[in-house]
Amino acid sequence: MNEMVEEFFNDGRERMDKAVTATRNEFNSIRTGRASTSLLDRISVDYYGARTPLKQLANISAPEPRLLVITPYDKSAIKEIEHSIMESELGLNPSNDGALIRLSIPELTEERRRELVKVVKGLSENGRVAVRNIRRDVIHELKKLQKDGDISEDELRWAEEELQKVTDGHTEQIDEMLKHKEAEILEV
């Protein structure tokens, strides 16, 4: 394989891996009926005038399937943490005992489960689109190489076929993640 082709190919594969990882992270922040510490990844707290991610201010654990416990490193920040959780779109009510915050994760209604499945399907489609856009960009660069005479038409055709295989593999990963997340959400 031509060195330039390999460089574009590897760059495309890396970017596709990152798109799959980003999709996985988005999936993890979607609430299911089960407690998960990643549920609080998007929450940031106003800590001494600076927006700070919650996970930098506290230890977050899930001791039970429907309970999250947040133990702040600085007890004086407990009110700000509690306020940030209430202001978030999670719809959870924190219980503060002065030393730590407990978050009970309520059961999801059937309607809410269906809404979450739609959200997850949208996120997976965004991930697949990102992977396909990367493929398009790499093919565009490869066609430029071919047009400039750096690679032959056969090398271009071969590279496009191999890139399609890599693309298919990444979209299958996203589809598999979707299947698992959907099952997790619909699990009662």
N, C-alpha and C. Protein backbone atom coordinates (compact mmCIF):
# COMPACT_ATOMS: atom_id res chain seq x y z
N MET A 1 0.85 -1.18 0.00
CA MET A 1 0.00 0.00 0.00
C MET A 1 0.89 1.24 0.00
N ASN A 2 0.52 2.20 -0.79
CA ASN A 2 1.21 3.48 -0.88
C ASN A 2 1.23 4.14 0.51
N GLU A 3 2.35 4.78 0.85
CA GLU A 3 2.51 5.41 2.16
C GLU A 3 1.47 6.49 2.43
N MET A 4 1.18 7.30 1.43
CA MET A 4 0.18 8.37 1.59
C MET A 4 -1.20 7.78 1.79
N VAL A 5 -1.51 6.74 1.04
CA VAL A 5 -2.81 6.08 1.17
C VAL A 5 -2.95 5.51 2.58
N GLU A 6 -1.89 4.88 3.04
CA GLU A 6 -1.90 4.29 4.39
C GLU A 6 -2.10 5.36 5.45
N GLU A 7 -1.46 6.51 5.26
CA GLU A 7 -1.59 7.61 6.22
C GLU A 7 -3.05 8.08 6.31
N PHE A 8 -3.69 8.30 5.15
CA PHE A 8 -5.10 8.72 5.14
C PHE A 8 -5.99 7.63 5.74
N PHE A 9 -5.66 6.40 5.40
CA PHE A 9 -6.42 5.25 5.87
C PHE A 9 -6.38 5.16 7.39
N ASN A 10 -5.17 5.25 7.97
CA ASN A 10 -5.02 5.17 9.42
C ASN A 10 -5.67 6.35 10.12
N ASP A 11 -5.55 7.54 9.52
CA ASP A 11 -6.20 8.71 10.08
C ASP A 11 -7.72 8.52 10.11
N GLY A 12 -8.26 8.00 9.01
CA GLY A 12 -9.71 7.75 8.95
C GLY A 12 -10.14 6.74 9.98
N ARG A 13 -9.37 5.67 10.14
CA ARG A 13 -9.71 4.63 11.13
C ARG A 13 -9.70 5.21 12.55
N GLU A 14 -8.67 6.02 12.86
CA GLU A 14 -8.58 6.66 14.18
C GLU A 14 -9.79 7.56 14.44
N ARG A 15 -10.14 8.36 13.45
CA ARG A 15 -11.27 9.27 13.60
C ARG A 15 -12.57 8.49 13.76
N MET A 16 -12.71 7.36 13.05
CA MET A 16 -13.91 6.53 13.20
C MET A 16 -13.96 5.92 14.59
N ASP A 17 -12.81 5.49 15.11
CA ASP A 17 -12.75 4.95 16.48
C ASP A 17 -13.22 6.01 17.47
N LYS A 18 -12.79 7.25 17.26
CA LYS A 18 -13.19 8.34 18.15
C LYS A 18 -14.69 8.60 18.05
N ALA A 19 -15.26 8.49 16.85
CA ALA A 19 -16.70 8.69 16.68
C ALA A 19 -17.48 7.61 17.42
N VAL A 20 -17.00 6.37 17.37
CA VAL A 20 -17.66 5.27 18.09
C VAL A 20 -17.55 5.51 19.60
N THR A 21 -16.38 5.93 20.07
CA THR A 21 -16.19 6.21 21.49
C THR A 21 -17.09 7.35 21.95
N ALA A 22 -17.20 8.39 21.15
CA ALA A 22 -18.08 9.51 21.49
C ALA A 22 -19.52 9.05 21.58
N THR A 23 -19.94 8.19 20.67
CA THR A 23 -21.31 7.66 20.70
C THR A 23 -21.51 6.83 21.97
N ARG A 24 -20.53 6.00 22.32
CA ARG A 24 -20.62 5.19 23.54
C ARG A 24 -20.76 6.10 24.76
N ASN A 25 -19.99 7.18 24.81
CA ASN A 25 -20.07 8.11 25.94
C ASN A 25 -21.44 8.78 26.01
N GLU A 26 -21.99 9.12 24.85
CA GLU A 26 -23.34 9.70 24.82
C GLU A 26 -24.35 8.70 25.36
N PHE A 27 -24.22 7.44 24.94
CA PHE A 27 -25.12 6.38 25.42
C PHE A 27 -25.04 6.26 26.94
N ASN A 28 -23.83 6.32 27.49
CA ASN A 28 -23.65 6.14 28.93
C ASN A 28 -24.29 7.25 29.75
N SER A 29 -24.46 8.42 29.14
CA SER A 29 -25.07 9.52 29.89
C SER A 29 -26.60 9.50 29.81
N ILE A 30 -27.16 8.52 29.10
CA ILE A 30 -28.62 8.37 29.02
C ILE A 30 -29.07 7.53 30.21
N ARG A 31 -30.06 8.03 30.89
CA ARG A 31 -30.55 7.38 32.10
C ARG A 31 -31.34 6.12 31.77
N THR A 32 -31.02 5.06 32.45
CA THR A 32 -31.83 3.85 32.37
C THR A 32 -32.45 3.68 33.76
N GLY A 33 -33.11 2.61 34.02
CA GLY A 33 -33.70 2.39 35.34
C GLY A 33 -32.66 2.05 36.39
N ARG A 34 -31.41 1.95 36.00
CA ARG A 34 -30.34 1.53 36.89
C ARG A 34 -29.42 2.71 37.18
N ALA A 35 -28.88 2.74 38.40
CA ALA A 35 -27.95 3.81 38.79
C ALA A 35 -26.61 3.61 38.08
N SER A 36 -26.09 4.68 37.51
CA SER A 36 -24.79 4.64 36.86
C SER A 36 -24.08 5.96 37.15
N THR A 37 -22.83 5.87 37.55
CA THR A 37 -22.09 7.10 37.89
C THR A 37 -21.92 8.00 36.66
N SER A 38 -21.92 7.42 35.46
CA SER A 38 -21.76 8.22 34.25
C SER A 38 -22.98 9.11 33.99
N LEU A 39 -24.06 8.86 34.71
CA LEU A 39 -25.26 9.68 34.59
C LEU A 39 -24.96 11.14 34.96
N LEU A 40 -23.99 11.33 35.84
CA LEU A 40 -23.67 12.68 36.34
C LEU A 40 -22.48 13.31 35.61
N ASP A 41 -22.00 12.69 34.54
CA ASP A 41 -20.82 13.19 33.83
C ASP A 41 -21.01 14.60 33.27
N ARG A 42 -22.21 14.94 32.88
CA ARG A 42 -22.44 16.26 32.25
C ARG A 42 -22.67 17.38 33.25
N ILE A 43 -22.80 17.05 34.52
CA ILE A 43 -23.11 18.07 35.52
C ILE A 43 -21.85 18.81 35.94
N SER A 44 -21.95 20.14 35.89
CA SER A 44 -20.85 20.97 36.39
C SER A 44 -21.42 21.88 37.47
N VAL A 45 -20.57 22.21 38.42
CA VAL A 45 -20.98 22.94 39.62
C VAL A 45 -20.26 24.29 39.66
N ASP A 46 -20.96 25.32 40.11
CA ASP A 46 -20.35 26.63 40.30
C ASP A 46 -19.56 26.57 41.60
N TYR A 47 -18.27 26.35 41.51
CA TYR A 47 -17.41 26.16 42.67
C TYR A 47 -16.45 27.33 42.76
N TYR A 48 -16.67 28.20 43.70
CA TYR A 48 -15.88 29.42 43.88
C TYR A 48 -15.76 30.22 42.59
N GLY A 49 -16.89 30.38 41.90
CA GLY A 49 -16.95 31.21 40.72
C GLY A 49 -16.54 30.54 39.41
N ALA A 50 -16.14 29.28 39.46
CA ALA A 50 -15.72 28.58 38.24
C ALA A 50 -16.60 27.35 38.03
N ARG A 51 -17.01 27.11 36.79
CA ARG A 51 -17.79 25.91 36.46
C ARG A 51 -16.83 24.72 36.50
N THR A 52 -17.08 23.79 37.40
CA THR A 52 -16.21 22.65 37.61
C THR A 52 -17.01 21.36 37.47
N PRO A 53 -16.50 20.37 36.72
CA PRO A 53 -17.21 19.10 36.60
C PRO A 53 -17.41 18.46 37.98
N LEU A 54 -18.59 17.91 38.20
CA LEU A 54 -18.93 17.30 39.48
C LEU A 54 -17.93 16.22 39.88
N LYS A 55 -17.48 15.42 38.91
CA LYS A 55 -16.57 14.31 39.25
C LYS A 55 -15.21 14.80 39.75
N GLN A 56 -14.90 16.11 39.57
CA GLN A 56 -13.66 16.66 40.12
C GLN A 56 -13.85 17.17 41.55
N LEU A 57 -15.13 17.30 41.95
CA LEU A 57 -15.43 17.84 43.28
C LEU A 57 -15.86 16.79 44.28
N ALA A 58 -16.19 15.59 43.80
CA ALA A 58 -16.75 14.59 44.70
C ALA A 58 -16.48 13.18 44.20
N ASN A 59 -16.57 12.26 45.14
CA ASN A 59 -16.52 10.84 44.81
C ASN A 59 -17.96 10.41 44.54
N ILE A 60 -18.19 9.75 43.41
CA ILE A 60 -19.53 9.31 43.04
C ILE A 60 -19.53 7.79 43.01
N SER A 61 -20.49 7.18 43.72
CA SER A 61 -20.56 5.72 43.73
C SER A 61 -22.01 5.27 43.58
N ALA A 62 -22.17 4.01 43.19
CA ALA A 62 -23.50 3.41 43.04
C ALA A 62 -23.55 2.15 43.92
N PRO A 63 -23.80 2.33 45.23
CA PRO A 63 -23.78 1.19 46.14
C PRO A 63 -24.95 0.22 45.95
N GLU A 64 -26.03 0.71 45.37
CA GLU A 64 -27.22 -0.12 45.12
C GLU A 64 -27.68 0.13 43.69
N PRO A 65 -28.49 -0.78 43.12
CA PRO A 65 -28.94 -0.60 41.73
C PRO A 65 -29.73 0.67 41.47
N ARG A 66 -30.38 1.23 42.48
CA ARG A 66 -31.19 2.43 42.27
C ARG A 66 -30.75 3.61 43.14
N LEU A 67 -29.46 3.64 43.50
CA LEU A 67 -28.97 4.70 44.37
C LEU A 67 -27.58 5.15 43.96
N LEU A 68 -27.41 6.48 43.87
CA LEU A 68 -26.10 7.08 43.67
C LEU A 68 -25.75 7.85 44.94
N VAL A 69 -24.50 7.75 45.37
CA VAL A 69 -24.05 8.48 46.54
C VAL A 69 -22.90 9.40 46.10
N ILE A 70 -23.05 10.68 46.42
CA ILE A 70 -22.04 11.69 46.08
C ILE A 70 -21.41 12.18 47.37
N THR A 71 -20.11 11.98 47.52
CA THR A 71 -19.38 12.41 48.71
C THR A 71 -18.42 13.52 48.30
N PRO A 72 -18.78 14.78 48.60
CA PRO A 72 -17.91 15.90 48.21
C PRO A 72 -16.58 15.88 48.96
N TYR A 73 -15.52 16.25 48.26
CA TYR A 73 -14.21 16.36 48.91
C TYR A 73 -14.21 17.56 49.84
N ASP A 74 -14.93 18.60 49.46
CA ASP A 74 -15.06 19.82 50.25
C ASP A 74 -16.52 19.93 50.68
N LYS A 75 -16.78 19.71 51.96
CA LYS A 75 -18.17 19.67 52.48
C LYS A 75 -18.90 21.01 52.27
N SER A 76 -18.15 22.10 52.14
CA SER A 76 -18.79 23.40 51.95
C SER A 76 -19.43 23.54 50.56
N ALA A 77 -19.09 22.63 49.65
CA ALA A 77 -19.64 22.71 48.29
C ALA A 77 -20.93 21.90 48.14
N ILE A 78 -21.40 21.30 49.22
CA ILE A 78 -22.54 20.39 49.12
C ILE A 78 -23.81 21.08 48.61
N LYS A 79 -24.04 22.32 49.04
CA LYS A 79 -25.24 23.05 48.59
C LYS A 79 -25.17 23.34 47.08
N GLU A 80 -23.99 23.75 46.59
CA GLU A 80 -23.83 24.04 45.17
C GLU A 80 -24.01 22.77 44.33
N ILE A 81 -23.49 21.66 44.83
CA ILE A 81 -23.63 20.38 44.12
C ILE A 81 -25.11 20.00 44.05
N GLU A 82 -25.78 20.11 45.18
CA GLU A 82 -27.22 19.78 45.24
C GLU A 82 -28.01 20.67 44.28
N HIS A 83 -27.69 21.96 44.27
CA HIS A 83 -28.37 22.90 43.37
C HIS A 83 -28.14 22.53 41.90
N SER A 84 -26.90 22.20 41.55
CA SER A 84 -26.59 21.84 40.16
C SER A 84 -27.35 20.59 39.72
N ILE A 85 -27.50 19.63 40.61
CA ILE A 85 -28.24 18.40 40.27
C ILE A 85 -29.71 18.73 40.05
N MET A 86 -30.27 19.58 40.90
CA MET A 86 -31.69 19.95 40.74
C MET A 86 -31.92 20.75 39.47
N GLU A 87 -30.94 21.56 39.06
CA GLU A 87 -31.06 22.38 37.86
C GLU A 87 -30.86 21.57 36.57
N SER A 88 -30.26 20.39 36.70
CA SER A 88 -29.98 19.56 35.51
C SER A 88 -31.27 18.98 34.95
N GLU A 89 -31.18 18.43 33.72
CA GLU A 89 -32.35 17.86 33.06
C GLU A 89 -32.60 16.42 33.48
N LEU A 90 -31.88 15.93 34.50
CA LEU A 90 -32.01 14.54 34.92
C LEU A 90 -33.33 14.25 35.65
N GLY A 91 -33.91 15.27 36.27
CA GLY A 91 -35.17 15.06 36.98
C GLY A 91 -34.98 14.26 38.26
N LEU A 92 -33.84 14.39 38.92
CA LEU A 92 -33.58 13.67 40.16
C LEU A 92 -33.61 14.64 41.33
N ASN A 93 -34.13 14.16 42.48
CA ASN A 93 -34.17 14.98 43.68
C ASN A 93 -33.11 14.52 44.67
N PRO A 94 -32.09 15.35 44.89
CA PRO A 94 -31.02 14.96 45.81
C PRO A 94 -31.47 15.03 47.27
N SER A 95 -30.94 14.14 48.08
CA SER A 95 -31.19 14.13 49.51
C SER A 95 -29.85 14.37 50.20
N ASN A 96 -29.75 15.49 50.92
CA ASN A 96 -28.50 15.95 51.51
C ASN A 96 -28.56 15.74 53.02
N ASP A 97 -27.57 15.01 53.57
CA ASP A 97 -27.53 14.83 55.03
C ASP A 97 -26.39 15.63 55.67
N GLY A 98 -25.81 16.57 54.95
CA GLY A 98 -24.74 17.41 55.47
C GLY A 98 -23.35 16.90 55.13
N ALA A 99 -23.21 15.58 54.95
CA ALA A 99 -21.90 15.01 54.63
C ALA A 99 -21.87 14.44 53.22
N LEU A 100 -23.01 13.94 52.75
CA LEU A 100 -23.08 13.38 51.41
C LEU A 100 -24.48 13.58 50.83
N ILE A 101 -24.58 13.33 49.53
CA ILE A 101 -25.85 13.49 48.83
C ILE A 101 -26.25 12.13 48.27
N ARG A 102 -27.50 11.77 48.50
CA ARG A 102 -28.03 10.53 47.95
C ARG A 102 -28.99 10.87 46.83
N LEU A 103 -28.90 10.12 45.74
CA LEU A 103 -29.82 10.29 44.61
C LEU A 103 -30.52 8.96 44.37
N SER A 104 -31.82 8.93 44.62
CA SER A 104 -32.60 7.73 44.32
C SER A 104 -33.00 7.78 42.86
N ILE A 105 -32.77 6.70 42.15
CA ILE A 105 -33.12 6.63 40.73
C ILE A 105 -34.50 5.96 40.64
N PRO A 106 -35.52 6.73 40.28
CA PRO A 106 -36.86 6.15 40.21
C PRO A 106 -37.02 5.23 39.00
N GLU A 107 -38.01 4.35 39.09
CA GLU A 107 -38.36 3.48 37.96
C GLU A 107 -38.79 4.37 36.79
N LEU A 108 -38.47 3.93 35.59
CA LEU A 108 -38.90 4.67 34.40
C LEU A 108 -40.29 4.18 33.99
N THR A 109 -41.13 5.12 33.56
CA THR A 109 -42.44 4.72 33.04
C THR A 109 -42.24 4.16 31.64
N GLU A 110 -43.23 3.42 31.16
CA GLU A 110 -43.15 2.82 29.83
C GLU A 110 -43.01 3.91 28.76
N GLU A 111 -43.74 5.01 28.95
CA GLU A 111 -43.68 6.13 27.99
C GLU A 111 -42.28 6.74 27.96
N ARG A 112 -41.69 6.93 29.15
CA ARG A 112 -40.35 7.52 29.24
C ARG A 112 -39.31 6.58 28.62
N ARG A 113 -39.50 5.29 28.81
CA ARG A 113 -38.58 4.31 28.21
C ARG A 113 -38.60 4.44 26.68
N ARG A 114 -39.79 4.56 26.12
CA ARG A 114 -39.92 4.68 24.66
C ARG A 114 -39.26 5.98 24.17
N GLU A 115 -39.43 7.07 24.93
CA GLU A 115 -38.79 8.34 24.56
C GLU A 115 -37.26 8.18 24.58
N LEU A 116 -36.76 7.51 25.61
CA LEU A 116 -35.30 7.31 25.71
C LEU A 116 -34.78 6.44 24.58
N VAL A 117 -35.56 5.45 24.15
CA VAL A 117 -35.15 4.61 23.02
C VAL A 117 -35.03 5.48 21.77
N LYS A 118 -35.98 6.40 21.58
CA LYS A 118 -35.91 7.30 20.42
C LYS A 118 -34.65 8.17 20.50
N VAL A 119 -34.34 8.67 21.69
CA VAL A 119 -33.14 9.50 21.88
C VAL A 119 -31.89 8.70 21.53
N VAL A 120 -31.83 7.47 22.03
CA VAL A 120 -30.66 6.62 21.78
C VAL A 120 -30.54 6.29 20.29
N LYS A 121 -31.67 6.04 19.63
CA LYS A 121 -31.62 5.77 18.19
C LYS A 121 -31.10 6.99 17.44
N GLY A 122 -31.50 8.19 17.87
CA GLY A 122 -30.99 9.42 17.26
C GLY A 122 -29.49 9.57 17.46
N LEU A 123 -29.03 9.26 18.68
CA LEU A 123 -27.59 9.34 18.96
C LEU A 123 -26.81 8.34 18.12
N SER A 124 -27.38 7.13 17.94
CA SER A 124 -26.67 6.13 17.14
C SER A 124 -26.63 6.56 15.68
N GLU A 125 -27.70 7.17 15.20
CA GLU A 125 -27.70 7.64 13.82
C GLU A 125 -26.66 8.75 13.63
N ASN A 126 -26.55 9.63 14.63
CA ASN A 126 -25.51 10.68 14.57
C ASN A 126 -24.12 10.06 14.51
N GLY A 127 -23.91 8.98 15.27
CA GLY A 127 -22.62 8.29 15.25
C GLY A 127 -22.33 7.67 13.89
N ARG A 128 -23.36 7.04 13.30
CA ARG A 128 -23.19 6.43 11.97
C ARG A 128 -22.91 7.50 10.92
N VAL A 129 -23.61 8.63 11.02
CA VAL A 129 -23.38 9.73 10.08
C VAL A 129 -21.95 10.26 10.22
N ALA A 130 -21.47 10.37 11.45
CA ALA A 130 -20.10 10.85 11.67
C ALA A 130 -19.10 9.89 11.01
N VAL A 131 -19.33 8.59 11.17
CA VAL A 131 -18.43 7.59 10.56
C VAL A 131 -18.47 7.71 9.03
N ARG A 132 -19.68 7.85 8.47
CA ARG A 132 -19.79 7.96 7.00
C ARG A 132 -19.16 9.25 6.49
N ASN A 133 -19.28 10.33 7.26
CA ASN A 133 -18.64 11.60 6.87
C ASN A 133 -17.12 11.46 6.85
N ILE A 134 -16.58 10.73 7.79
CA ILE A 134 -15.14 10.50 7.82
C ILE A 134 -14.73 9.72 6.57
N ARG A 135 -15.52 8.69 6.24
CA ARG A 135 -15.23 7.89 5.03
C ARG A 135 -15.24 8.81 3.80
N ARG A 136 -16.25 9.67 3.71
CA ARG A 136 -16.35 10.59 2.57
C ARG A 136 -15.13 11.50 2.49
N ASP A 137 -14.70 12.03 3.64
CA ASP A 137 -13.52 12.91 3.66
C ASP A 137 -12.26 12.18 3.20
N VAL A 138 -12.08 10.96 3.68
CA VAL A 138 -10.89 10.19 3.31
C VAL A 138 -10.92 9.87 1.82
N ILE A 139 -12.08 9.46 1.31
CA ILE A 139 -12.20 9.16 -0.12
C ILE A 139 -11.90 10.41 -0.95
N HIS A 140 -12.38 11.56 -0.48
CA HIS A 140 -12.11 12.83 -1.17
C HIS A 140 -10.60 13.07 -1.26
N GLU A 141 -9.89 12.84 -0.16
CA GLU A 141 -8.43 13.03 -0.14
C GLU A 141 -7.75 12.02 -1.07
N LEU A 142 -8.24 10.77 -1.06
CA LEU A 142 -7.64 9.74 -1.92
C LEU A 142 -7.86 10.09 -3.39
N LYS A 143 -9.03 10.62 -3.72
CA LYS A 143 -9.30 11.00 -5.11
C LYS A 143 -8.40 12.15 -5.54
N LYS A 144 -8.08 13.04 -4.60
CA LYS A 144 -7.14 14.11 -4.91
C LYS A 144 -5.76 13.53 -5.24
N LEU A 145 -5.35 12.53 -4.44
CA LEU A 145 -4.06 11.87 -4.70
C LEU A 145 -4.06 11.24 -6.09
N GLN A 146 -5.16 10.59 -6.45
CA GLN A 146 -5.25 9.92 -7.75
C GLN A 146 -5.23 10.95 -8.87
N LYS A 147 -5.95 12.05 -8.65
CA LYS A 147 -6.01 13.11 -9.66
C LYS A 147 -4.63 13.75 -9.88
N ASP A 148 -3.87 13.87 -8.78
CA ASP A 148 -2.52 14.44 -8.86
C ASP A 148 -1.50 13.44 -9.40
N GLY A 149 -1.93 12.20 -9.61
CA GLY A 149 -1.03 11.18 -10.16
C GLY A 149 -0.18 10.48 -9.12
N ASP A 150 -0.50 10.67 -7.83
CA ASP A 150 0.29 10.02 -6.78
C ASP A 150 -0.08 8.56 -6.58
N ILE A 151 -1.32 8.19 -6.93
CA ILE A 151 -1.73 6.79 -6.85
C ILE A 151 -2.49 6.42 -8.12
N SER A 152 -2.52 5.14 -8.42
CA SER A 152 -3.22 4.69 -9.63
C SER A 152 -4.71 4.52 -9.35
N GLU A 153 -5.48 4.36 -10.41
CA GLU A 153 -6.91 4.15 -10.29
C GLU A 153 -7.21 2.84 -9.55
N ASP A 154 -6.39 1.81 -9.79
CA ASP A 154 -6.56 0.53 -9.10
C ASP A 154 -6.31 0.68 -7.60
N GLU A 155 -5.27 1.45 -7.24
CA GLU A 155 -4.99 1.68 -5.81
C GLU A 155 -6.15 2.43 -5.16
N LEU A 156 -6.71 3.40 -5.87
CA LEU A 156 -7.85 4.16 -5.36
C LEU A 156 -9.04 3.23 -5.13
N ARG A 157 -9.34 2.40 -6.12
CA ARG A 157 -10.47 1.48 -6.02
C ARG A 157 -10.27 0.52 -4.84
N TRP A 158 -9.05 -0.02 -4.71
CA TRP A 158 -8.74 -0.94 -3.61
C TRP A 158 -8.91 -0.23 -2.26
N ALA A 159 -8.38 1.00 -2.15
CA ALA A 159 -8.46 1.77 -0.91
C ALA A 159 -9.91 2.07 -0.55
N GLU A 160 -10.73 2.41 -1.56
CA GLU A 160 -12.15 2.68 -1.30
C GLU A 160 -12.86 1.44 -0.76
N GLU A 161 -12.54 0.26 -1.33
CA GLU A 161 -13.15 -0.98 -0.87
C GLU A 161 -12.73 -1.30 0.57
N GLU A 162 -11.44 -1.13 0.86
CA GLU A 162 -10.95 -1.40 2.22
C GLU A 162 -11.56 -0.41 3.21
N LEU A 163 -11.66 0.85 2.80
CA LEU A 163 -12.24 1.87 3.66
C LEU A 163 -13.71 1.57 3.94
N GLN A 164 -14.41 1.04 2.94
CA GLN A 164 -15.81 0.67 3.13
C GLN A 164 -15.93 -0.45 4.17
N LYS A 165 -15.00 -1.41 4.14
CA LYS A 165 -15.00 -2.49 5.12
C LYS A 165 -14.81 -1.94 6.54
N VAL A 166 -13.87 -1.00 6.68
CA VAL A 166 -13.61 -0.38 7.99
C VAL A 166 -14.86 0.39 8.44
N THR A 167 -15.47 1.13 7.52
CA THR A 167 -16.68 1.89 7.82
C THR A 167 -17.79 0.95 8.28
N ASP A 168 -17.99 -0.14 7.56
CA ASP A 168 -19.03 -1.11 7.92
C ASP A 168 -18.77 -1.67 9.32
N GLY A 169 -17.52 -1.95 9.64
CA GLY A 169 -17.17 -2.47 10.96
C GLY A 169 -17.53 -1.49 12.06
N HIS A 170 -17.25 -0.21 11.83
CA HIS A 170 -17.56 0.81 12.84
C HIS A 170 -19.06 1.02 12.98
N THR A 171 -19.79 1.02 11.88
CA THR A 171 -21.25 1.18 11.99
C THR A 171 -21.87 -0.04 12.67
N GLU A 172 -21.30 -1.22 12.45
CA GLU A 172 -21.79 -2.42 13.15
C GLU A 172 -21.56 -2.30 14.66
N GLN A 173 -20.42 -1.72 15.05
CA GLN A 173 -20.16 -1.50 16.48
C GLN A 173 -21.24 -0.59 17.08
N ILE A 174 -21.57 0.47 16.37
CA ILE A 174 -22.60 1.40 16.85
C ILE A 174 -23.95 0.69 16.92
N ASP A 175 -24.29 -0.11 15.91
CA ASP A 175 -25.55 -0.84 15.92
C ASP A 175 -25.62 -1.82 17.10
N GLU A 176 -24.49 -2.46 17.40
CA GLU A 176 -24.43 -3.39 18.53
C GLU A 176 -24.63 -2.65 19.85
N MET A 177 -23.98 -1.49 19.99
CA MET A 177 -24.16 -0.68 21.19
C MET A 177 -25.61 -0.25 21.33
N LEU A 178 -26.23 0.12 20.21
CA LEU A 178 -27.64 0.53 20.22
C LEU A 178 -28.52 -0.61 20.71
N LYS A 179 -28.27 -1.80 20.20
CA LYS A 179 -29.07 -2.96 20.58
C LYS A 179 -28.98 -3.20 22.09
N HIS A 180 -27.77 -3.13 22.64
CA HIS A 180 -27.58 -3.34 24.08
C HIS A 180 -28.23 -2.24 24.90
N LYS A 181 -28.07 -1.00 24.46
CA LYS A 181 -28.63 0.12 25.23
C LYS A 181 -30.16 0.08 25.18
N GLU A 182 -30.71 -0.26 24.04
CA GLU A 182 -32.15 -0.37 23.90
C GLU A 182 -32.69 -1.44 24.85
N ALA A 183 -32.03 -2.59 24.89
CA ALA A 183 -32.44 -3.67 25.79
C ALA A 183 -32.34 -3.22 27.25
N GLU A 184 -31.28 -2.48 27.57
CA GLU A 184 -31.08 -1.98 28.93
C GLU A 184 -32.19 -1.01 29.33
N ILE A 185 -32.59 -0.15 28.42
CA ILE A 185 -33.64 0.83 28.71
C ILE A 185 -34.99 0.15 28.87
N LEU A 186 -35.29 -0.81 28.01
CA LEU A 186 -36.60 -1.46 28.04
C LEU A 186 -36.72 -2.53 29.12
N GLU A 187 -35.58 -2.89 29.72
CA GLU A 187 -35.60 -3.89 30.79
C GLU A 187 -36.37 -3.34 31.99
N VAL A 188 -37.34 -4.11 32.46
CA VAL A 188 -38.17 -3.63 33.59
C VAL A 188 -37.69 -4.24 34.88
